[in-house]
Amino acid sequence: MRLILLTFLFLFITNPGYAQVFKWVDDKGSVHFTDDISKIPEKYRKAIEQIEAREEKPQTKTESGPPEKSQTDNDTDRLGRGKEYWQERVEEWKKRLRSAQEKVESLRLKYNELTEKFNASKSSVERARLRNERDQIKAQIDQSRMEIEEAKEVLDRKIPEEAALYRAKPEWIKP
């Protein structure tokens, strides 16, 4: 009788499975997740972070006690990260966006000042120097605009996609 009971319990008790998930950040600051280390470019492999992701398996009802809390009751995503993680992630990218926007505005004012000086100058040497300065400022403005576009892309598309993938609550990434 005990053997049958032990066999029965053994068959219906499920152990959670674990999967390896790798997290890495590229040169642009974008965070990537994969379960296949071969998909990570070689230059980023030294800085990867391993995350043990618990796979949820259906729980078999047993007489031993109450069922465990479901994932939604825990207020965490599939990797155990909560509301704070996602809000910090969104806030970080919002700060990057604001910083890049402020930088563009500051550089634009500087560019306009240099343009006024350029237009007022009669010296060809001075005009050449001012033109070079303006070109450098223009390159910085273009770089900052790229940073703005990247931040908007991350906020509007990448973070929501990642949140959906890891089953984070949508309200965690809302402003």
Protein backbone atom coordinates (compact mmCIF):
# COMPACT_ATOMS: atom_id res chain seq x y z
CA MET A 1 0.00 0.00 0.00
CA ARG A 2 2.81 2.42 0.87
CA LEU A 3 4.57 1.58 -2.36
CA ILE A 4 1.46 2.45 -4.37
CA LEU A 5 1.00 5.70 -2.45
CA LEU A 6 4.66 6.68 -2.94
CA THR A 7 4.47 5.83 -6.62
CA PHE A 8 1.29 7.86 -6.98
CA LEU A 9 2.83 10.89 -5.24
CA PHE A 10 6.04 10.57 -7.25
CA LEU A 11 4.16 10.60 -10.54
CA PHE A 12 2.03 13.63 -9.77
CA ILE A 13 4.52 15.92 -8.08
CA THR A 14 6.01 18.24 -10.66
CA ASN A 15 9.37 19.88 -10.39
CA PRO A 16 9.79 23.30 -11.97
CA GLY A 17 12.08 23.36 -14.97
CA TYR A 18 14.81 25.94 -15.33
CA ALA A 19 16.13 27.52 -18.48
CA GLN A 20 19.25 29.61 -18.98
CA VAL A 21 18.58 33.10 -20.25
CA PHE A 22 21.41 35.41 -21.23
CA LYS A 23 21.18 39.19 -20.98
CA TRP A 24 23.56 41.50 -22.84
CA VAL A 25 23.77 45.18 -23.71
CA ASP A 26 24.97 46.42 -27.10
CA ASP A 27 27.00 49.58 -27.88
CA LYS A 28 23.83 51.66 -28.13
CA GLY A 29 22.69 50.61 -24.66
CA SER A 30 19.91 48.32 -25.88
CA VAL A 31 19.29 45.32 -23.64
CA HIS A 32 18.89 41.96 -25.36
CA PHE A 33 17.79 38.58 -24.01
CA THR A 34 18.33 35.17 -25.55
CA ASP A 35 18.43 31.54 -24.49
CA ASP A 36 21.04 30.69 -27.13
CA ILE A 37 24.53 31.98 -26.32
CA SER A 38 25.58 31.51 -29.95
CA LYS A 39 23.20 34.34 -30.92
CA ILE A 40 25.22 36.82 -28.84
CA PRO A 41 27.89 38.62 -30.90
CA GLU A 42 31.39 37.60 -29.81
CA LYS A 43 32.39 41.06 -28.60
CA TYR A 44 29.52 41.11 -26.05
CA ARG A 45 30.00 37.62 -24.62
CA LYS A 46 32.42 38.77 -21.90
CA ALA A 47 29.75 41.03 -20.38
CA ILE A 48 26.73 38.72 -20.50
CA GLU A 49 24.59 38.15 -17.45
CA GLN A 50 23.13 34.71 -16.89
CA ILE A 51 19.59 34.58 -15.56
CA GLU A 52 17.94 31.40 -14.41
CA ALA A 53 14.42 31.54 -15.76
CA ARG A 54 11.93 29.27 -14.10
CA GLU A 55 9.56 27.70 -16.54
CA GLU A 56 6.04 27.47 -15.24
CA LYS A 57 4.63 23.98 -15.61
CA PRO A 58 1.03 23.10 -14.92
CA GLN A 59 0.64 22.13 -11.32
CA THR A 60 -1.05 18.87 -10.58
CA LYS A 61 -3.57 19.12 -7.79
CA THR A 62 -2.48 17.17 -4.73
CA GLU A 63 -3.92 16.73 -1.29
CA SER A 64 -0.75 18.11 0.36
CA GLY A 65 -1.91 21.73 0.68
CA PRO A 66 -3.06 24.90 -1.02
CA PRO A 67 -1.81 25.66 -4.52
CA GLU A 68 1.11 28.02 -4.97
CA LYS A 69 0.40 31.64 -5.85
CA SER A 70 0.04 32.18 -9.55
CA GLN A 71 2.45 34.39 -11.44
CA THR A 72 -0.04 37.26 -11.59
CA ASP A 73 -0.53 37.13 -7.82
CA ASN A 74 3.20 37.59 -7.29
CA ASP A 75 3.32 40.84 -9.26
CA THR A 76 6.38 39.70 -11.17
CA ASP A 77 7.15 38.88 -14.77
CA ARG A 78 8.36 35.49 -15.99
CA LEU A 79 11.88 36.24 -14.76
CA GLY A 80 10.74 37.37 -11.33
CA ARG A 81 11.15 41.10 -12.01
CA GLY A 82 8.51 43.39 -10.61
CA LYS A 83 6.94 46.74 -11.24
CA GLU A 84 10.00 48.65 -9.99
CA TYR A 85 12.31 47.04 -12.57
CA TRP A 86 10.08 48.00 -15.47
CA GLN A 87 9.41 51.51 -14.18
CA GLU A 88 13.14 52.12 -13.66
CA ARG A 89 13.82 50.85 -17.16
CA VAL A 90 11.23 53.23 -18.67
CA GLU A 91 12.46 56.14 -16.53
CA GLU A 92 16.08 55.54 -17.59
CA TRP A 93 15.12 55.81 -21.28
CA LYS A 94 12.94 58.85 -20.61
CA LYS A 95 15.94 60.54 -18.99
CA ARG A 96 18.07 59.67 -22.02
CA LEU A 97 15.40 61.14 -24.28
CA ARG A 98 15.12 64.37 -22.28
CA SER A 99 18.90 64.72 -22.09
CA ALA A 100 19.30 64.29 -25.85
CA GLN A 101 16.47 66.75 -26.53
CA GLU A 102 18.04 69.34 -24.22
CA LYS A 103 21.40 68.78 -25.88
CA VAL A 104 19.90 69.36 -29.34
CA GLU A 105 18.30 72.60 -28.18
CA SER A 106 21.55 73.83 -26.61
CA LEU A 107 23.56 72.91 -29.69
CA ARG A 108 20.99 74.55 -31.96
CA LEU A 109 21.40 77.85 -30.07
CA LYS A 110 25.17 77.55 -30.35
CA TYR A 111 24.88 76.80 -34.07
CA ASN A 112 22.69 79.87 -34.60
CA GLU A 113 25.19 82.09 -32.74
CA LEU A 114 28.01 80.78 -34.92
CA THR A 115 25.91 81.43 -38.03
CA GLU A 116 25.35 85.04 -36.98
CA LYS A 117 29.08 85.51 -36.35
CA PHE A 118 29.85 83.84 -39.68
CA ASN A 119 27.47 86.16 -41.54
CA ALA A 120 28.87 89.25 -39.81
CA SER A 121 32.52 88.34 -40.35
CA LYS A 122 34.51 89.87 -43.20
CA SER A 123 37.68 87.85 -42.61
CA SER A 124 37.99 84.69 -44.68
CA VAL A 125 40.17 83.07 -42.01
CA GLU A 126 37.58 83.83 -39.34
CA ARG A 127 34.78 82.58 -41.60
CA ALA A 128 36.67 79.31 -42.21
CA ARG A 129 37.15 78.79 -38.46
CA LEU A 130 33.46 79.52 -37.80
CA ARG A 131 32.40 77.19 -40.61
CA ASN A 132 34.46 74.36 -39.06
CA GLU A 133 32.94 75.01 -35.64
CA ARG A 134 29.45 75.00 -37.15
CA ASP A 135 30.15 71.72 -38.94
CA GLN A 136 31.25 70.14 -35.65
CA ILE A 137 28.12 71.43 -33.91
CA LYS A 138 25.98 70.12 -36.78
CA ALA A 139 27.56 66.66 -36.38
CA GLN A 140 26.81 66.73 -32.64
CA ILE A 141 23.21 67.75 -33.36
CA ASP A 142 22.85 64.85 -35.80
CA GLN A 143 24.29 62.44 -33.20
CA SER A 144 21.88 63.71 -30.54
CA ARG A 145 18.95 63.37 -32.93
CA MET A 146 19.93 59.74 -33.49
CA GLU A 147 19.95 59.27 -29.70
CA ILE A 148 16.46 60.80 -29.57
CA GLU A 149 15.20 58.40 -32.24
CA GLU A 150 16.76 55.44 -30.45
CA ALA A 151 15.18 56.43 -27.12
CA LYS A 152 11.78 56.86 -28.78
CA GLU A 153 12.15 53.46 -30.45
CA VAL A 154 13.03 51.78 -27.16
CA LEU A 155 10.19 53.49 -25.28
CA ASP A 156 7.54 53.02 -27.96
CA ARG A 157 8.40 49.58 -29.29
CA LYS A 158 11.25 47.63 -27.66
CA ILE A 159 10.28 47.88 -23.99
CA PRO A 160 6.60 47.08 -24.67
CA GLU A 161 7.63 44.08 -26.81
CA GLU A 162 10.02 42.85 -24.13
CA ALA A 163 7.38 43.38 -21.43
CA ALA A 164 4.88 41.36 -23.45
CA LEU A 165 7.44 38.61 -24.01
CA TYR A 166 8.14 38.31 -20.29
CA ARG A 167 4.49 38.83 -19.35
CA ALA A 168 5.00 41.99 -17.36
CA LYS A 169 1.85 43.91 -16.59
CA PRO A 170 1.24 46.59 -19.25
CA GLU A 171 0.54 49.27 -16.63
CA TRP A 172 4.11 48.88 -15.32
CA ILE A 173 5.51 50.51 -18.44
CA LYS A 174 2.91 53.26 -18.76
CA PRO A 175 3.80 56.82 -17.68
